[in-house]
């Protein structure tokens, strides 16, 4: 009887999922921290990073594993009331596949006790496999077209097989950019919560309730995780969480056909990634650094900003980007183009 009543109120399901995920993560994280300490699974800090981060060495990592578990259970618990669609299953599987890749990266770091995990080529290969599997399944079983819409226009460009290349760039770029953003306490968790809020609105407006529930589950879990991940962090998300959540964001962009808007919705992550690319190119070509340190959040630390100030101001920037992305999407749909 209760489940029947819940099924009549889609908005309530979304909020309920967020609350369940938040409370579950908040309750289980201390237990997970104790487990990681017993197993001595801690963060390995790179020595060429900011010196004020060296005290974080040994802080429990792989908090993302718990986040993904909570998200999966919360999502299936609520979404199954009406039934999980093919799109919901595909987004969930993509999250778990990317999360598994991140887990192997974290595990490799823990075993070798070094800041470098899997080789870049290895991660790129598996991200390619995941993106192709996602694209093939979406096109052949979920009726996702290979058209790409240009925002605020009625123009659709059919990419054909080139669409798979675009999907590879989206999956790889998004998962790695969230991973790069995860460089300060609470930065990635807060940023992805903001992005998920935007995508919850987009998916709900498109009528994809289970995708909106998935967004709510991730957002709620990240907020619960933030209680322990805020400065000074008691636990880190690790690649398991950042790559897993990044892969989910990519899947949401593909399944909602907002591939180009993703650049704006996840604008902060894009800026973080661009700062690394610019720094590398500038140094290799001209032996000069554009930023004091990359990614750009470290640049502001080197300018004297506290880690907390950088985090909060970057959250504000992330909110502006996500808000503009959602507004652009809303304007496009209202105009009917």
C-alpha atoms as a PDB file:
ATOM      1  CA  UNK A   1       0.000   0.000   0.000  1.00  0.00           C
ATOM      2  CA  UNK A   2       2.816   2.408   0.901  1.00  0.00           C
ATOM      3  CA  UNK A   3       4.750   1.560  -2.261  1.00  0.00           C
ATOM      4  CA  UNK A   4       1.606   2.144  -4.327  1.00  0.00           C
ATOM      5  CA  UNK A   5       1.166   5.609  -2.818  1.00  0.00           C
ATOM      6  CA  UNK A   6       4.831   6.450  -3.429  1.00  0.00           C
ATOM      7  CA  UNK A   7       4.520   5.396  -7.076  1.00  0.00           C
ATOM      8  CA  UNK A   8       1.816   8.048  -7.556  1.00  0.00           C
ATOM      9  CA  UNK A   9       4.198  10.894  -6.715  1.00  0.00           C
ATOM     10  CA  UNK A  10       7.293  10.942  -8.975  1.00  0.00           C
ATOM     11  CA  UNK A  11       8.763  14.049  -7.349  1.00  0.00           C
ATOM     12  CA  UNK A  12       8.477  12.415  -3.941  1.00  0.00           C
ATOM     13  CA  UNK A  13      10.420   9.400  -5.231  1.00  0.00           C
ATOM     14  CA  UNK A  14      13.286  11.615  -6.336  1.00  0.00           C
ATOM     15  CA  UNK A  15      13.508  13.425  -2.989  1.00  0.00           C
ATOM     16  CA  UNK A  16      13.083  10.182  -1.040  1.00  0.00           C
ATOM     17  CA  UNK A  17      15.976   8.598  -2.936  1.00  0.00           C
ATOM     18  CA  UNK A  18      18.234  11.539  -2.129  1.00  0.00           C
ATOM     19  CA  UNK A  19      17.363  11.352   1.564  1.00  0.00           C
ATOM     20  CA  UNK A  20      17.895   7.577   1.740  1.00  0.00           C
ATOM     21  CA  UNK A  21      21.262   7.847   0.003  1.00  0.00           C
ATOM     22  CA  UNK A  22      22.327  10.762   2.221  1.00  0.00           C
ATOM     23  CA  UNK A  23      21.422   9.034   5.476  1.00  0.00           C
ATOM     24  CA  UNK A  24      22.881   5.688   4.427  1.00  0.00           C
ATOM     25  CA  UNK A  25      26.186   7.244   3.400  1.00  0.00           C
ATOM     26  CA  UNK A  26      26.312   9.371   6.545  1.00  0.00           C
ATOM     27  CA  UNK A  27      25.727   6.325   8.741  1.00  0.00           C
ATOM     28  CA  UNK A  28      28.022   3.866   6.932  1.00  0.00           C
ATOM     29  CA  UNK A  29      31.010   6.105   6.180  1.00  0.00           C
ATOM     30  CA  UNK A  30      32.459   5.991   9.755  1.00  0.00           C
ATOM     31  CA  UNK A  31      32.326   2.191   9.612  1.00  0.00           C
ATOM     32  CA  UNK A  32      33.983   2.225   6.196  1.00  0.00           C
ATOM     33  CA  UNK A  33      36.714   4.563   7.503  1.00  0.00           C
ATOM     34  CA  UNK A  34      37.463   2.140  10.348  1.00  0.00           C
ATOM     35  CA  UNK A  35      37.626  -0.772   7.910  1.00  0.00           C
ATOM     36  CA  UNK A  36      40.032   1.071   5.596  1.00  0.00           C
ATOM     37  CA  UNK A  37      42.265   1.998   8.536  1.00  0.00           C
ATOM     38  CA  UNK A  38      42.424  -1.637   9.641  1.00  0.00           C
ATOM     39  CA  UNK A  39      43.355  -2.673   6.095  1.00  0.00           C
ATOM     40  CA  UNK A  40      45.798   0.271   5.911  1.00  0.00           C
ATOM     41  CA  UNK A  41      44.331   1.538   2.642  1.00  0.00           C
ATOM     42  CA  UNK A  42      45.397   5.178   2.653  1.00  0.00           C
ATOM     43  CA  UNK A  43      46.036   8.051   0.282  1.00  0.00           C
ATOM     44  CA  UNK A  44      49.415   8.287  -1.424  1.00  0.00           C
ATOM     45  CA  UNK A  45      50.253  11.988  -1.872  1.00  0.00           C
ATOM     46  CA  UNK A  46      52.506  13.048  -4.738  1.00  0.00           C
ATOM     47  CA  UNK A  47      55.643  14.771  -3.459  1.00  0.00           C
ATOM     48  CA  UNK A  48      55.628  17.404  -6.232  1.00  0.00           C
ATOM     49  CA  UNK A  49      52.194  18.661  -5.206  1.00  0.00           C
ATOM     50  CA  UNK A  50      51.439  21.437  -2.709  1.00  0.00           C
ATOM     51  CA  UNK A  51      53.539  20.898   0.415  1.00  0.00           C
ATOM     52  CA  UNK A  52      50.568  21.682   2.671  1.00  0.00           C
ATOM     53  CA  UNK A  53      48.921  18.482   1.373  1.00  0.00           C
ATOM     54  CA  UNK A  54      51.639  16.165   2.675  1.00  0.00           C
ATOM     55  CA  UNK A  55      49.844  15.745   6.004  1.00  0.00           C
ATOM     56  CA  UNK A  56      47.060  13.964   4.118  1.00  0.00           C
ATOM     57  CA  UNK A  57      49.296  10.970   3.434  1.00  0.00           C
ATOM     58  CA  UNK A  58      47.684   7.842   4.843  1.00  0.00           C
ATOM     59  CA  UNK A  59      44.151   9.266   5.015  1.00  0.00           C
ATOM     60  CA  UNK A  60      41.689   6.474   4.090  1.00  0.00           C
ATOM     61  CA  UNK A  61      40.731   6.507   0.428  1.00  0.00           C
ATOM     62  CA  UNK A  62      38.321   4.546  -1.816  1.00  0.00           C
ATOM     63  CA  UNK A  63      35.320   6.232  -0.200  1.00  0.00           C
ATOM     64  CA  UNK A  64      33.839   6.149  -3.682  1.00  0.00           C
ATOM     65  CA  UNK A  65      33.317   2.401  -3.319  1.00  0.00           C
ATOM     66  CA  UNK A  66      30.815   3.016  -0.535  1.00  0.00           C
ATOM     67  CA  UNK A  67      29.178   5.831  -2.521  1.00  0.00           C
ATOM     68  CA  UNK A  68      28.582   3.565  -5.520  1.00  0.00           C
ATOM     69  CA  UNK A  69      27.204   0.768  -3.336  1.00  0.00           C
ATOM     70  CA  UNK A  70      24.772   3.143  -1.614  1.00  0.00           C
ATOM     71  CA  UNK A  71      23.758   4.706  -4.943  1.00  0.00           C
ATOM     72  CA  UNK A  72      23.091   1.299  -6.495  1.00  0.00           C
ATOM     73  CA  UNK A  73      20.944   0.071  -3.594  1.00  0.00           C
ATOM     74  CA  UNK A  74      19.053   3.360  -3.225  1.00  0.00           C
ATOM     75  CA  UNK A  75      18.383   3.540  -6.945  1.00  0.00           C
ATOM     76  CA  UNK A  76      17.137  -0.038  -7.258  1.00  0.00           C
ATOM     77  CA  UNK A  77      15.034   0.290  -4.110  1.00  0.00           C
ATOM     78  CA  UNK A  78      13.038   3.284  -5.333  1.00  0.00           C
ATOM     79  CA  UNK A  79      13.223   2.956  -9.130  1.00  0.00           C
ATOM     80  CA  UNK A  80      11.981  -0.642  -9.003  1.00  0.00           C
ATOM     81  CA  UNK A  81       8.619   0.615  -7.663  1.00  0.00           C
ATOM     82  CA  UNK A  82       7.626   1.530 -11.211  1.00  0.00           C
ATOM     83  CA  UNK A  83      10.211  -0.605 -12.936  1.00  0.00           C
ATOM     84  CA  UNK A  84      13.679   0.299 -14.178  1.00  0.00           C
ATOM     85  CA  UNK A  85      13.854   1.245 -17.852  1.00  0.00           C
ATOM     86  CA  UNK A  86      16.571   0.246 -20.288  1.00  0.00           C
ATOM     87  CA  UNK A  87      18.042   3.734 -19.963  1.00  0.00           C
ATOM     88  CA  UNK A  88      18.221   3.383 -16.180  1.00  0.00           C
ATOM     89  CA  UNK A  89      19.936   0.018 -16.400  1.00  0.00           C
ATOM     90  CA  UNK A  90      22.396   1.327 -18.969  1.00  0.00           C
ATOM     91  CA  UNK A  91      23.314   4.372 -16.866  1.00  0.00           C
ATOM     92  CA  UNK A  92      23.734   2.206 -13.757  1.00  0.00           C
ATOM     93  CA  UNK A  93      25.908  -0.357 -15.566  1.00  0.00           C
ATOM     94  CA  UNK A  94      28.058   2.441 -16.987  1.00  0.00           C
ATOM     95  CA  UNK A  95      28.549   3.842 -13.476  1.00  0.00           C
ATOM     96  CA  UNK A  96      29.570   0.443 -12.115  1.00  0.00           C
ATOM     97  CA  UNK A  97      31.877  -0.300 -15.073  1.00  0.00           C
ATOM     98  CA  UNK A  98      33.690   3.024 -14.692  1.00  0.00           C
ATOM     99  CA  UNK A  99      33.702   2.544 -10.926  1.00  0.00           C
ATOM    100  CA  UNK A 100      35.350  -0.850 -11.337  1.00  0.00           C
ATOM    101  CA  UNK A 101      38.052   0.729 -13.492  1.00  0.00           C
ATOM    102  CA  UNK A 102      38.603   3.353 -10.806  1.00  0.00           C
ATOM    103  CA  UNK A 103      38.694   0.646  -8.132  1.00  0.00           C
ATOM    104  CA  UNK A 104      41.467  -1.196 -10.001  1.00  0.00           C
ATOM    105  CA  UNK A 105      43.347   2.111 -10.225  1.00  0.00           C
ATOM    106  CA  UNK A 106      42.957   2.726  -6.482  1.00  0.00           C
ATOM    107  CA  UNK A 107      43.926  -0.845  -5.667  1.00  0.00           C
ATOM    108  CA  UNK A 108      47.037  -0.560  -7.821  1.00  0.00           C
ATOM    109  CA  UNK A 109      48.068   2.597  -5.958  1.00  0.00           C
ATOM    110  CA  UNK A 110      47.490   0.962  -2.579  1.00  0.00           C
ATOM    111  CA  UNK A 111      49.520  -2.133  -3.467  1.00  0.00           C
ATOM    112  CA  UNK A 112      52.429  -0.209  -4.978  1.00  0.00           C
ATOM    113  CA  UNK A 113      52.209   2.592  -2.394  1.00  0.00           C
ATOM    114  CA  UNK A 114      52.683   5.233  -5.067  1.00  0.00           C
ATOM    115  CA  UNK A 115      50.497   8.008  -6.464  1.00  0.00           C
ATOM    116  CA  UNK A 116      50.397   6.430  -9.935  1.00  0.00           C
ATOM    117  CA  UNK A 117      47.978   3.559 -10.473  1.00  0.00           C
ATOM    118  CA  UNK A 118      47.082   1.939 -13.778  1.00  0.00           C
ATOM    119  CA  UNK A 119      48.950   3.041 -16.874  1.00  0.00           C
ATOM    120  CA  UNK A 120      47.264   5.795 -18.877  1.00  0.00           C
ATOM    121  CA  UNK A 121      47.022   3.587 -21.953  1.00  0.00           C
ATOM    122  CA  UNK A 122      45.340   0.849 -19.908  1.00  0.00           C
ATOM    123  CA  UNK A 123      42.698   3.239 -18.569  1.00  0.00           C
ATOM    124  CA  UNK A 124      42.129   4.720 -22.030  1.00  0.00           C
ATOM    125  CA  UNK A 125      41.646   1.251 -23.505  1.00  0.00           C
ATOM    126  CA  UNK A 126      38.989   0.280 -20.987  1.00  0.00           C
ATOM    127  CA  UNK A 127      37.292   3.657 -21.241  1.00  0.00           C
ATOM    128  CA  UNK A 128      37.152   3.058 -24.996  1.00  0.00           C
ATOM    129  CA  UNK A 129      35.566  -0.354 -24.416  1.00  0.00           C
ATOM    130  CA  UNK A 130      33.012   1.125 -22.006  1.00  0.00           C
ATOM    131  CA  UNK A 131      32.128   3.978 -24.375  1.00  0.00           C
ATOM    132  CA  UNK A 132      31.665   1.634 -27.348  1.00  0.00           C
ATOM    133  CA  UNK A 133      29.516  -0.737 -25.282  1.00  0.00           C
ATOM    134  CA  UNK A 134      27.466   2.209 -23.999  1.00  0.00           C
ATOM    135  CA  UNK A 135      27.011   3.653 -27.482  1.00  0.00           C
ATOM    136  CA  UNK A 136      26.173   0.349 -29.176  1.00  0.00           C
ATOM    137  CA  UNK A 137      23.613  -0.563 -26.516  1.00  0.00           C
ATOM    138  CA  UNK A 138      22.055   2.920 -26.461  1.00  0.00           C
ATOM    139  CA  UNK A 139      21.686   3.016 -30.246  1.00  0.00           C
ATOM    140  CA  UNK A 140      20.497  -0.552 -30.806  1.00  0.00           C
ATOM    141  CA  UNK A 141      18.370  -1.160 -27.707  1.00  0.00           C
ATOM    142  CA  UNK A 142      17.389   2.265 -26.378  1.00  0.00           C
ATOM    143  CA  UNK A 143      16.643   4.017 -29.696  1.00  0.00           C
ATOM    144  CA  UNK A 144      19.226   6.735 -29.039  1.00  0.00           C
ATOM    145  CA  UNK A 145      20.016   8.440 -32.340  1.00  0.00           C
ATOM    146  CA  UNK A 146      23.440   9.375 -33.635  1.00  0.00           C
ATOM    147  CA  UNK A 147      22.192  12.929 -34.130  1.00  0.00           C
ATOM    148  CA  UNK A 148      23.722  15.742 -32.103  1.00  0.00           C
ATOM    149  CA  UNK A 149      21.557  18.779 -31.391  1.00  0.00           C
ATOM    150  CA  UNK A 150      23.003  22.268 -31.542  1.00  0.00           C
ATOM    151  CA  UNK A 151      21.633  24.227 -28.536  1.00  0.00           C
ATOM    152  CA  UNK A 152      19.134  27.029 -29.255  1.00  0.00           C
ATOM    153  CA  UNK A 153      18.729  25.877 -32.852  1.00  0.00           C
ATOM    154  CA  UNK A 154      16.640  23.335 -34.743  1.00  0.00           C
ATOM    155  CA  UNK A 155      19.775  21.909 -36.322  1.00  0.00           C
ATOM    156  CA  UNK A 156      20.649  18.255 -35.804  1.00  0.00           C
ATOM    157  CA  UNK A 157      23.882  16.839 -37.162  1.00  0.00           C
ATOM    158  CA  UNK A 158      23.943  13.117 -37.874  1.00  0.00           C
ATOM    159  CA  UNK A 159      27.445  11.845 -37.114  1.00  0.00           C
ATOM    160  CA  UNK A 160      26.940   8.226 -38.138  1.00  0.00           C
ATOM    161  CA  UNK A 161      29.824   6.038 -36.979  1.00  0.00           C
ATOM    162  CA  UNK A 162      31.749   9.162 -35.894  1.00  0.00           C
ATOM    163  CA  UNK A 163      29.249   9.334 -33.025  1.00  0.00           C
ATOM    164  CA  UNK A 164      31.178   6.509 -31.354  1.00  0.00           C
ATOM    165  CA  UNK A 165      34.292   8.676 -31.388  1.00  0.00           C
ATOM    166  CA  UNK A 166      32.312  11.475 -29.752  1.00  0.00           C
ATOM    167  CA  UNK A 167      31.094   9.050 -27.076  1.00  0.00           C
ATOM    168  CA  UNK A 168      34.661   7.984 -26.380  1.00  0.00           C
ATOM    169  CA  UNK A 169      35.676  11.618 -25.927  1.00  0.00           C
ATOM    170  CA  UNK A 170      32.687  12.257 -23.644  1.00  0.00           C
ATOM    171  CA  UNK A 171      33.209   9.189 -21.431  1.00  0.00           C
ATOM    172  CA  UNK A 172      36.978   9.582 -21.244  1.00  0.00           C
ATOM    173  CA  UNK A 173      36.920  13.354 -20.879  1.00  0.00           C
ATOM    174  CA  UNK A 174      34.192  13.464 -18.242  1.00  0.00           C
ATOM    175  CA  UNK A 175      35.457  10.616 -16.061  1.00  0.00           C
ATOM    176  CA  UNK A 176      39.011  11.950 -16.144  1.00  0.00           C
ATOM    177  CA  UNK A 177      37.933  15.559 -15.566  1.00  0.00           C
ATOM    178  CA  UNK A 178      35.984  14.628 -12.426  1.00  0.00           C
ATOM    179  CA  UNK A 179      39.057  12.664 -11.343  1.00  0.00           C
ATOM    180  CA  UNK A 180      41.218  15.769 -11.853  1.00  0.00           C
ATOM    181  CA  UNK A 181      38.714  17.888  -9.933  1.00  0.00           C
ATOM    182  CA  UNK A 182      39.042  15.511  -6.991  1.00  0.00           C
ATOM    183  CA  UNK A 183      42.175  17.264  -5.763  1.00  0.00           C
ATOM    184  CA  UNK A 184      40.887  19.206  -2.769  1.00  0.00           C
ATOM    185  CA  UNK A 185      38.835  18.073   0.204  1.00  0.00           C
ATOM    186  CA  UNK A 186      35.165  18.136  -0.753  1.00  0.00           C
ATOM    187  CA  UNK A 187      35.672  19.709  -4.177  1.00  0.00           C
ATOM    188  CA  UNK A 188      34.623  16.761  -6.367  1.00  0.00           C
ATOM    189  CA  UNK A 189      31.777  15.658  -4.086  1.00  0.00           C
ATOM    190  CA  UNK A 190      30.271  19.137  -3.979  1.00  0.00           C
ATOM    191  CA  UNK A 191      30.772  19.781  -7.686  1.00  0.00           C
ATOM    192  CA  UNK A 192      29.198  16.496  -8.791  1.00  0.00           C
ATOM    193  CA  UNK A 193      26.245  17.118  -6.469  1.00  0.00           C
ATOM    194  CA  UNK A 194      25.628  20.410  -8.288  1.00  0.00           C
ATOM    195  CA  UNK A 195      25.943  18.731 -11.693  1.00  0.00           C
ATOM    196  CA  UNK A 196      23.545  15.983 -10.611  1.00  0.00           C
ATOM    197  CA  UNK A 197      21.024  18.608  -9.532  1.00  0.00           C
ATOM    198  CA  UNK A 198      21.050  20.018 -13.062  1.00  0.00           C
ATOM    199  CA  UNK A 199      20.700  16.591 -14.641  1.00  0.00           C
ATOM    200  CA  UNK A 200      17.935  15.623 -12.217  1.00  0.00           C
ATOM    201  CA  UNK A 201      15.978  18.572 -13.608  1.00  0.00           C
ATOM    202  CA  UNK A 202      16.752  17.657 -17.215  1.00  0.00           C
ATOM    203  CA  UNK A 203      15.891  13.962 -16.869  1.00  0.00           C
ATOM    204  CA  UNK A 204      12.711  14.712 -14.905  1.00  0.00           C
ATOM    205  CA  UNK A 205      11.590  17.181 -17.578  1.00  0.00           C
ATOM    206  CA  UNK A 206      12.221  14.569 -20.269  1.00  0.00           C
ATOM    207  CA  UNK A 207      10.108  12.046 -18.379  1.00  0.00           C
ATOM    208  CA  UNK A 208      12.994   9.727 -17.463  1.00  0.00           C
ATOM    209  CA  UNK A 209      12.036   9.212 -13.830  1.00  0.00           C
ATOM    210  CA  UNK A 210      14.533   6.460 -13.109  1.00  0.00           C
ATOM    211  CA  UNK A 211      17.396   8.596 -14.438  1.00  0.00           C
ATOM    212  CA  UNK A 212      16.233  11.435 -12.180  1.00  0.00           C
ATOM    213  CA  UNK A 213      16.210   8.959  -9.290  1.00  0.00           C
ATOM    214  CA  UNK A 214      19.770   7.929 -10.154  1.00  0.00           C
ATOM    215  CA  UNK A 215      20.836  11.591 -10.126  1.00  0.00           C
ATOM    216  CA  UNK A 216      19.165  12.020  -6.738  1.00  0.00           C
ATOM    217  CA  UNK A 217      20.904   8.930  -5.373  1.00  0.00           C
ATOM    218  CA  UNK A 218      24.323  10.197  -6.432  1.00  0.00           C
ATOM    219  CA  UNK A 219      23.643  13.714  -5.175  1.00  0.00           C
ATOM    220  CA  UNK A 220      22.370  12.474  -1.820  1.00  0.00           C
ATOM    221  CA  UNK A 221      25.263  10.058  -1.368  1.00  0.00           C
ATOM    222  CA  UNK A 222      27.789  12.792  -2.174  1.00  0.00           C
ATOM    223  CA  UNK A 223      26.223  15.148   0.374  1.00  0.00           C
ATOM    224  CA  UNK A 224      26.375  12.445   3.044  1.00  0.00           C
ATOM    225  CA  UNK A 225      29.976  11.744   2.068  1.00  0.00           C
ATOM    226  CA  UNK A 226      30.810  15.458   2.310  1.00  0.00           C
ATOM    227  CA  UNK A 227      30.242  15.366   6.060  1.00  0.00           C
ATOM    228  CA  UNK A 228      33.454  13.348   6.356  1.00  0.00           C
ATOM    229  CA  UNK A 229      35.191  14.554   3.187  1.00  0.00           C
ATOM    230  CA  UNK A 230      35.094  18.272   4.052  1.00  0.00           C
ATOM    231  CA  UNK A 231      38.362  19.879   5.141  1.00  0.00           C
ATOM    232  CA  UNK A 232      40.256  18.347   6.818  1.00  0.00           C
ATOM    233  CA  UNK A 233      39.026  15.188   5.134  1.00  0.00           C
ATOM    234  CA  UNK A 234      38.686  11.993   7.132  1.00  0.00           C
ATOM    235  CA  UNK A 235      38.318  10.004   3.909  1.00  0.00           C
ATOM    236  CA  UNK A 236      38.868  10.572   0.197  1.00  0.00           C
ATOM    237  CA  UNK A 237      36.648   9.600  -2.708  1.00  0.00           C
ATOM    238  CA  UNK A 238      39.455   8.042  -4.716  1.00  0.00           C
ATOM    239  CA  UNK A 239      39.346   7.059  -8.383  1.00  0.00           C
ATOM    240  CA  UNK A 240      36.596   4.538  -7.647  1.00  0.00           C
ATOM    241  CA  UNK A 241      34.197   7.375  -6.946  1.00  0.00           C
ATOM    242  CA  UNK A 242      35.480  10.091  -9.266  1.00  0.00           C
ATOM    243  CA  UNK A 243      35.766   7.896 -12.374  1.00  0.00           C
ATOM    244  CA  UNK A 244      32.528   6.069 -11.553  1.00  0.00           C
ATOM    245  CA  UNK A 245      30.537   9.272 -11.056  1.00  0.00           C
ATOM    246  CA  UNK A 246      32.253  10.918 -14.021  1.00  0.00           C
ATOM    247  CA  UNK A 247      31.211   7.994 -16.210  1.00  0.00           C
ATOM    248  CA  UNK A 248      27.634   8.380 -14.983  1.00  0.00           C
ATOM    249  CA  UNK A 249      27.595  12.063 -15.894  1.00  0.00           C
ATOM    250  CA  UNK A 250      28.806  11.118 -19.378  1.00  0.00           C
ATOM    251  CA  UNK A 251      26.071   8.489 -19.682  1.00  0.00           C
ATOM    252  CA  UNK A 252      23.421  11.003 -18.609  1.00  0.00           C
ATOM    253  CA  UNK A 253      24.596  13.478 -21.242  1.00  0.00           C
ATOM    254  CA  UNK A 254      24.430  10.793 -23.936  1.00  0.00           C
ATOM    255  CA  UNK A 255      21.068   9.326 -22.910  1.00  0.00           C
ATOM    256  CA  UNK A 256      19.407  12.754 -22.596  1.00  0.00           C
ATOM    257  CA  UNK A 257      20.977  13.958 -25.864  1.00  0.00           C
ATOM    258  CA  UNK A 258      22.700  16.890 -24.172  1.00  0.00           C
ATOM    259  CA  UNK A 259      26.172  15.963 -25.375  1.00  0.00           C
ATOM    260  CA  UNK A 260      27.193  19.514 -26.256  1.00  0.00           C
ATOM    261  CA  UNK A 261      25.522  21.090 -23.223  1.00  0.00           C
ATOM    262  CA  UNK A 262      27.654  18.857 -21.026  1.00  0.00           C
ATOM    263  CA  UNK A 263      30.581  21.190 -21.674  1.00  0.00           C
ATOM    264  CA  UNK A 264      28.628  23.942 -19.911  1.00  0.00           C
ATOM    265  CA  UNK A 265      26.835  21.885 -17.253  1.00  0.00           C
ATOM    266  CA  UNK A 266      30.131  20.345 -16.119  1.00  0.00           C
ATOM    267  CA  UNK A 267      31.984  23.570 -16.888  1.00  0.00           C
ATOM    268  CA  UNK A 268      34.151  23.581 -13.773  1.00  0.00           C
ATOM    269  CA  UNK A 269      35.477  20.099 -14.553  1.00  0.00           C
ATOM    270  CA  UNK A 270      36.199  21.260 -18.102  1.00  0.00           C
ATOM    271  CA  UNK A 271      38.156  24.261 -16.783  1.00  0.00           C
ATOM    272  CA  UNK A 272      40.145  21.996 -14.447  1.00  0.00           C
ATOM    273  CA  UNK A 273      41.075  19.708 -17.336  1.00  0.00           C
ATOM    274  CA  UNK A 274      41.921  22.573 -19.687  1.00  0.00           C
ATOM    275  CA  UNK A 275      44.256  24.026 -17.070  1.00  0.00           C
ATOM    276  CA  UNK A 276      46.261  20.790 -17.066  1.00  0.00           C
ATOM    277  CA  UNK A 277      46.344  20.620 -20.872  1.00  0.00           C
ATOM    278  CA  UNK A 278      47.432  24.265 -21.169  1.00  0.00           C
ATOM    279  CA  UNK A 279      50.122  23.799 -18.527  1.00  0.00           C
ATOM    280  CA  UNK A 280      51.572  20.708 -20.211  1.00  0.00           C
ATOM    281  CA  UNK A 281      51.572  22.218 -23.708  1.00  0.00           C
ATOM    282  CA  UNK A 282      53.037  25.511 -22.502  1.00  0.00           C
ATOM    283  CA  UNK A 283      55.857  23.831 -20.615  1.00  0.00           C
ATOM    284  CA  UNK A 284      56.750  21.310 -23.321  1.00  0.00           C
ATOM    285  CA  UNK A 285      56.647  23.833 -26.157  1.00  0.00           C
ATOM    286  CA  UNK A 286      57.928  26.981 -24.464  1.00  0.00           C
ATOM    287  CA  UNK A 287      59.340  25.722 -21.138  1.00  0.00           C
ATOM    288  CA  UNK A 288      57.053  28.187 -19.363  1.00  0.00           C
ATOM    289  CA  UNK A 289      54.223  27.592 -16.944  1.00  0.00           C
ATOM    290  CA  UNK A 290      50.953  29.477 -17.333  1.00  0.00           C
ATOM    291  CA  UNK A 291      49.821  28.513 -13.825  1.00  0.00           C
ATOM    292  CA  UNK A 292      51.854  28.255 -10.651  1.00  0.00           C
ATOM    293  CA  UNK A 293      50.619  24.663 -10.452  1.00  0.00           C
ATOM    294  CA  UNK A 294      48.006  22.609 -12.289  1.00  0.00           C
ATOM    295  CA  UNK A 295      45.160  21.706 -11.986  1.00  0.00           C
ATOM    296  CA  UNK A 296      43.969  25.251 -11.496  1.00  0.00           C
ATOM    297  CA  UNK A 297      42.708  24.699  -7.931  1.00  0.00           C
ATOM    298  CA  UNK A 298      46.362  24.265  -6.892  1.00  0.00           C
ATOM    299  CA  UNK A 299      47.203  27.530  -8.669  1.00  0.00           C
ATOM    300  CA  UNK A 300      44.915  29.431  -6.321  1.00  0.00           C
ATOM    301  CA  UNK A 301      46.346  27.564  -3.339  1.00  0.00           C
ATOM    302  CA  UNK A 302      49.793  28.761  -4.388  1.00  0.00           C
ATOM    303  CA  UNK A 303      48.408  32.299  -4.524  1.00  0.00           C
ATOM    304  CA  UNK A 304      47.608  32.007  -0.833  1.00  0.00           C
ATOM    305  CA  UNK A 305      43.944  30.993  -0.875  1.00  0.00           C
ATOM    306  CA  UNK A 306      43.028  28.495   1.818  1.00  0.00           C
ATOM    307  CA  UNK A 307      41.839  25.085   0.679  1.00  0.00           C
ATOM    308  CA  UNK A 308      38.371  25.802   2.066  1.00  0.00           C
ATOM    309  CA  UNK A 309      38.131  29.124   0.220  1.00  0.00           C
ATOM    310  CA  UNK A 310      39.121  27.499  -3.067  1.00  0.00           C
ATOM    311  CA  UNK A 311      36.576  24.723  -2.526  1.00  0.00           C
ATOM    312  CA  UNK A 312      33.641  27.012  -1.741  1.00  0.00           C
ATOM    313  CA  UNK A 313      34.408  29.479  -4.532  1.00  0.00           C
ATOM    314  CA  UNK A 314      34.798  26.642  -7.015  1.00  0.00           C
ATOM    315  CA  UNK A 315      31.424  25.282  -5.879  1.00  0.00           C
ATOM    316  CA  UNK A 316      29.948  28.682  -6.707  1.00  0.00           C
ATOM    317  CA  UNK A 317      31.551  28.599 -10.151  1.00  0.00           C
ATOM    318  CA  UNK A 318      30.268  25.048 -10.668  1.00  0.00           C
ATOM    319  CA  UNK A 319      26.775  26.229  -9.737  1.00  0.00           C
ATOM    320  CA  UNK A 320      26.947  29.081 -12.230  1.00  0.00           C
ATOM    321  CA  UNK A 321      28.042  26.734 -15.023  1.00  0.00           C
ATOM    322  CA  UNK A 322      25.418  24.087 -14.206  1.00  0.00           C
ATOM    323  CA  UNK A 323      22.725  26.746 -13.842  1.00  0.00           C
ATOM    324  CA  UNK A 324      23.560  28.267 -17.224  1.00  0.00           C
ATOM    325  CA  UNK A 325      23.583  24.810 -18.810  1.00  0.00           C
ATOM    326  CA  UNK A 326      20.159  23.945 -17.402  1.00  0.00           C
ATOM    327  CA  UNK A 327      18.785  27.374 -18.344  1.00  0.00           C
ATOM    328  CA  UNK A 328      20.030  26.920 -21.907  1.00  0.00           C
ATOM    329  CA  UNK A 329      18.428  23.484 -22.073  1.00  0.00           C
ATOM    330  CA  UNK A 330      15.165  24.831 -20.625  1.00  0.00           C
ATOM    331  CA  UNK A 331      15.145  27.743 -23.073  1.00  0.00           C
ATOM    332  CA  UNK A 332      15.714  25.358 -25.968  1.00  0.00           C
ATOM    333  CA  UNK A 333      12.817  23.098 -24.971  1.00  0.00           C
ATOM    334  CA  UNK A 334      10.453  26.021 -24.281  1.00  0.00           C
ATOM    335  CA  UNK A 335      11.161  27.452 -27.712  1.00  0.00           C
ATOM    336  CA  UNK A 336      10.484  24.022 -29.150  1.00  0.00           C
ATOM    337  CA  UNK A 337      13.616  24.001 -31.282  1.00  0.00           C
END
